[in-house]
Protein backbone atom coordinates (compact mmCIF):
# COMPACT_ATOMS: atom_id res chain seq x y z
CA UNK A 1 -56.82 -46.44 -3.99
CA UNK A 2 -55.41 -48.93 -6.58
CA UNK A 3 -58.26 -48.29 -8.93
CA UNK A 4 -57.49 -44.55 -9.04
CA UNK A 5 -53.78 -45.21 -9.67
CA UNK A 6 -54.53 -47.47 -12.67
CA UNK A 7 -56.93 -44.94 -14.07
CA UNK A 8 -54.35 -42.13 -13.82
CA UNK A 9 -51.67 -44.45 -15.29
CA UNK A 10 -53.78 -45.28 -18.31
CA UNK A 11 -55.04 -41.73 -18.91
CA UNK A 12 -52.03 -40.65 -21.02
CA UNK A 13 -52.50 -43.77 -23.19
CA UNK A 14 -56.19 -42.94 -23.86
CA UNK A 15 -55.86 -39.29 -24.75
CA UNK A 16 -55.11 -38.31 -28.31
CA UNK A 17 -52.22 -35.95 -28.99
CA UNK A 18 -50.00 -35.31 -31.99
CA UNK A 19 -46.85 -37.29 -31.97
CA UNK A 20 -43.52 -35.65 -32.90
CA UNK A 21 -40.24 -37.38 -33.50
CA UNK A 22 -37.01 -35.37 -33.15
CA UNK A 23 -34.17 -36.68 -35.14
CA UNK A 24 -30.69 -35.20 -34.57
CA UNK A 25 -29.03 -36.81 -37.55
CA UNK A 26 -30.99 -36.47 -40.87
CA UNK A 27 -28.57 -38.78 -42.64
CA UNK A 28 -29.51 -41.62 -40.31
CA UNK A 29 -33.06 -41.67 -41.67
CA UNK A 30 -33.39 -43.99 -44.66
CA UNK A 31 -36.60 -43.70 -46.55
CA UNK A 32 -35.61 -46.12 -49.26
CA UNK A 33 -34.17 -45.78 -52.70
CA UNK A 34 -37.45 -45.05 -54.49
CA UNK A 35 -38.63 -41.73 -55.95
CA UNK A 36 -41.03 -39.79 -53.81
CA UNK A 37 -44.39 -38.70 -55.25
CA UNK A 38 -46.62 -35.85 -54.17
CA UNK A 39 -50.28 -35.76 -54.86
CA UNK A 40 -53.16 -33.47 -54.17
CA UNK A 41 -56.76 -34.21 -53.76
CA UNK A 42 -58.89 -33.14 -56.78
CA UNK A 43 -62.08 -32.56 -54.74
CA UNK A 44 -62.54 -30.63 -51.53
CA UNK A 45 -63.82 -32.71 -48.66
CA UNK A 46 -67.30 -31.69 -47.49
CA UNK A 47 -68.56 -33.54 -44.46
CA UNK A 48 -72.18 -34.76 -44.49
CA UNK A 49 -74.74 -32.55 -42.85
CA UNK A 50 -76.26 -33.81 -39.67
CA UNK A 51 -79.79 -35.08 -39.93
CA UNK A 52 -82.50 -32.74 -38.68
CA UNK A 53 -86.30 -32.36 -38.84
CA UNK A 54 -87.74 -30.55 -41.86
CA UNK A 55 -90.77 -28.31 -41.71
CA UNK A 56 -93.42 -28.14 -44.46
CA UNK A 57 -91.99 -24.92 -45.90
CA UNK A 58 -88.49 -26.42 -46.17
CA UNK A 59 -89.45 -29.59 -48.08
CA UNK A 60 -89.13 -27.95 -51.54
CA UNK A 61 -85.66 -26.69 -50.74
CA UNK A 62 -84.43 -30.10 -49.38
CA UNK A 63 -85.86 -31.90 -52.47
CA UNK A 64 -84.04 -29.43 -54.77
CA UNK A 65 -80.80 -29.91 -52.94
CA UNK A 66 -81.22 -33.79 -53.04
CA UNK A 67 -81.87 -33.54 -56.81
CA UNK A 68 -78.49 -31.93 -57.31
CA UNK A 69 -76.54 -34.79 -55.66
CA UNK A 70 -74.24 -36.64 -58.09
CA UNK A 71 -74.99 -40.30 -58.63
CA UNK A 72 -71.89 -42.51 -58.58
CA UNK A 73 -73.69 -45.56 -59.88
CA UNK A 74 -74.37 -46.09 -63.54
CA UNK A 75 -78.09 -45.82 -64.46
CA UNK A 76 -79.42 -49.03 -66.06
CA UNK A 77 -82.57 -49.01 -68.16
CA UNK A 78 -84.48 -52.28 -67.95
CA UNK A 79 -87.73 -52.86 -69.78
CA UNK A 80 -90.18 -54.56 -67.48
CA UNK A 81 -91.97 -57.56 -68.95
CA UNK A 82 -95.74 -57.21 -69.36
CA UNK A 83 -97.80 -60.33 -69.67
CA UNK A 84 -101.35 -60.63 -70.89
CA UNK A 85 -103.40 -63.06 -68.91
CA UNK A 86 -107.01 -63.36 -70.05
CA UNK A 87 -106.99 -59.91 -71.64
CA UNK A 88 -105.80 -58.23 -68.36
CA UNK A 89 -102.21 -56.88 -68.26
CA UNK A 90 -100.27 -57.72 -65.19
CA UNK A 91 -97.58 -55.37 -63.92
CA UNK A 92 -94.43 -56.69 -62.20
CA UNK A 93 -94.70 -57.30 -58.46
CA UNK A 94 -92.60 -55.10 -56.19
CA UNK A 95 -90.96 -58.03 -54.38
CA UNK A 96 -90.70 -61.72 -55.19
CA UNK A 97 -88.81 -64.53 -53.51
CA UNK A 98 -86.63 -66.27 -56.07
CA UNK A 99 -84.43 -69.23 -56.34
CA UNK A 100 -80.67 -69.67 -57.07
CA UNK A 101 -79.27 -70.83 -60.37
CA UNK A 102 -76.56 -73.43 -60.39
CA UNK A 103 -73.05 -72.31 -59.27
CA UNK A 104 -70.65 -71.41 -62.03
CA UNK A 105 -67.36 -73.26 -62.37
CA UNK A 106 -64.53 -72.27 -60.09
CA UNK A 107 -62.40 -69.46 -61.45
CA UNK A 108 -58.67 -69.85 -61.92
CA UNK A 109 -56.65 -69.59 -58.75
CA UNK A 110 -55.33 -66.00 -58.61
CA UNK A 111 -53.62 -64.31 -55.71
CA UNK A 112 -54.37 -67.34 -53.53
CA UNK A 113 -58.14 -67.21 -54.08
CA UNK A 114 -60.72 -68.65 -56.45
CA UNK A 115 -64.44 -67.87 -56.66
CA UNK A 116 -67.69 -68.89 -58.16
CA UNK A 117 -71.03 -67.10 -58.52
CA UNK A 118 -74.69 -67.82 -58.82
CA UNK A 119 -77.76 -65.67 -59.74
CA UNK A 120 -81.01 -65.09 -57.93
CA UNK A 121 -83.95 -65.47 -60.38
CA UNK A 122 -87.71 -65.52 -60.21
CA UNK A 123 -90.20 -67.00 -62.63
CA UNK A 124 -92.66 -64.11 -61.97
CA UNK A 125 -91.88 -60.59 -63.15
CA UNK A 126 -90.78 -58.51 -60.22
CA UNK A 127 -88.94 -55.25 -59.54
CA UNK A 128 -86.87 -56.87 -56.78
CA UNK A 129 -86.01 -60.58 -56.40
CA UNK A 130 -84.77 -61.85 -52.99
CA UNK A 131 -82.92 -65.08 -52.33
CA UNK A 132 -81.53 -66.33 -49.02
CA UNK A 133 -77.73 -66.94 -49.02
CA UNK A 134 -74.68 -65.58 -50.71
CA UNK A 135 -74.33 -64.90 -54.48
CA UNK A 136 -70.53 -65.36 -54.47
CA UNK A 137 -68.38 -68.01 -52.81
CA UNK A 138 -64.60 -67.42 -52.32
CA UNK A 139 -62.07 -69.95 -51.05
CA UNK A 140 -58.34 -70.07 -50.60
CA UNK A 141 -56.29 -72.09 -53.16
CA UNK A 142 -52.84 -72.63 -54.38
CA UNK A 143 -51.36 -73.30 -57.80
CA UNK A 144 -50.06 -76.77 -58.20
CA UNK A 145 -46.68 -77.09 -59.93
CA UNK A 146 -48.43 -79.17 -62.67
CA UNK A 147 -51.22 -76.63 -63.27
CA UNK A 148 -49.27 -73.36 -63.80
CA UNK A 149 -45.88 -72.30 -64.85
CA UNK A 150 -43.68 -70.87 -62.06
CA UNK A 151 -40.82 -68.92 -63.56
CA UNK A 152 -37.43 -69.87 -62.27
CA UNK A 153 -34.21 -68.17 -63.08
CA UNK A 154 -31.83 -70.36 -65.08
CA UNK A 155 -28.88 -68.08 -64.17
CA UNK A 156 -28.58 -66.48 -60.65
CA UNK A 157 -26.96 -63.44 -62.22
CA UNK A 158 -30.06 -62.75 -64.33
CA UNK A 159 -31.85 -61.61 -61.19
CA UNK A 160 -28.98 -59.23 -60.41
CA UNK A 161 -29.03 -57.86 -63.97
CA UNK A 162 -32.81 -57.38 -63.85
CA UNK A 163 -32.54 -55.47 -60.56
CA UNK A 164 -29.66 -53.23 -61.71
CA UNK A 165 -31.16 -52.67 -65.16
CA UNK A 166 -28.06 -53.97 -66.92
CA UNK A 167 -29.51 -56.28 -69.61
CA UNK A 168 -26.39 -56.45 -71.81
């Protein structure tokens, strides 16, 4: 009996329903002193089509539709190195296991974080080089008073003038 009671008590919390708030006094609502902005979406949202099986007579139509999809990534043209070994040309391998270069120096502490990166490289020409581990390392940091300049107001009223816009 107790299990049913708990289930019925939690049911209103689990169901989704629109929330409406009735306010009697519109002047009591303070949305801040800032200007309000209105924006509209520039593209219409189209949900993805669910996956389904394709028959042989539908393959051409599906390929034509896929060819019309916009690419969001920039296309990069890379010339693949070709080596001559004993008069026989070798083409790049599809996959090669590489090794990491040395870490770069730590970046300047910015927004409480600093980072450094390394690159995965292979001595053999390959279309894809794989290394185990992360290519970027991020850690928390803070700016020491001796390292960076922290602006401090010389006059407490300068802050008030900056907020009010009265710079005279």
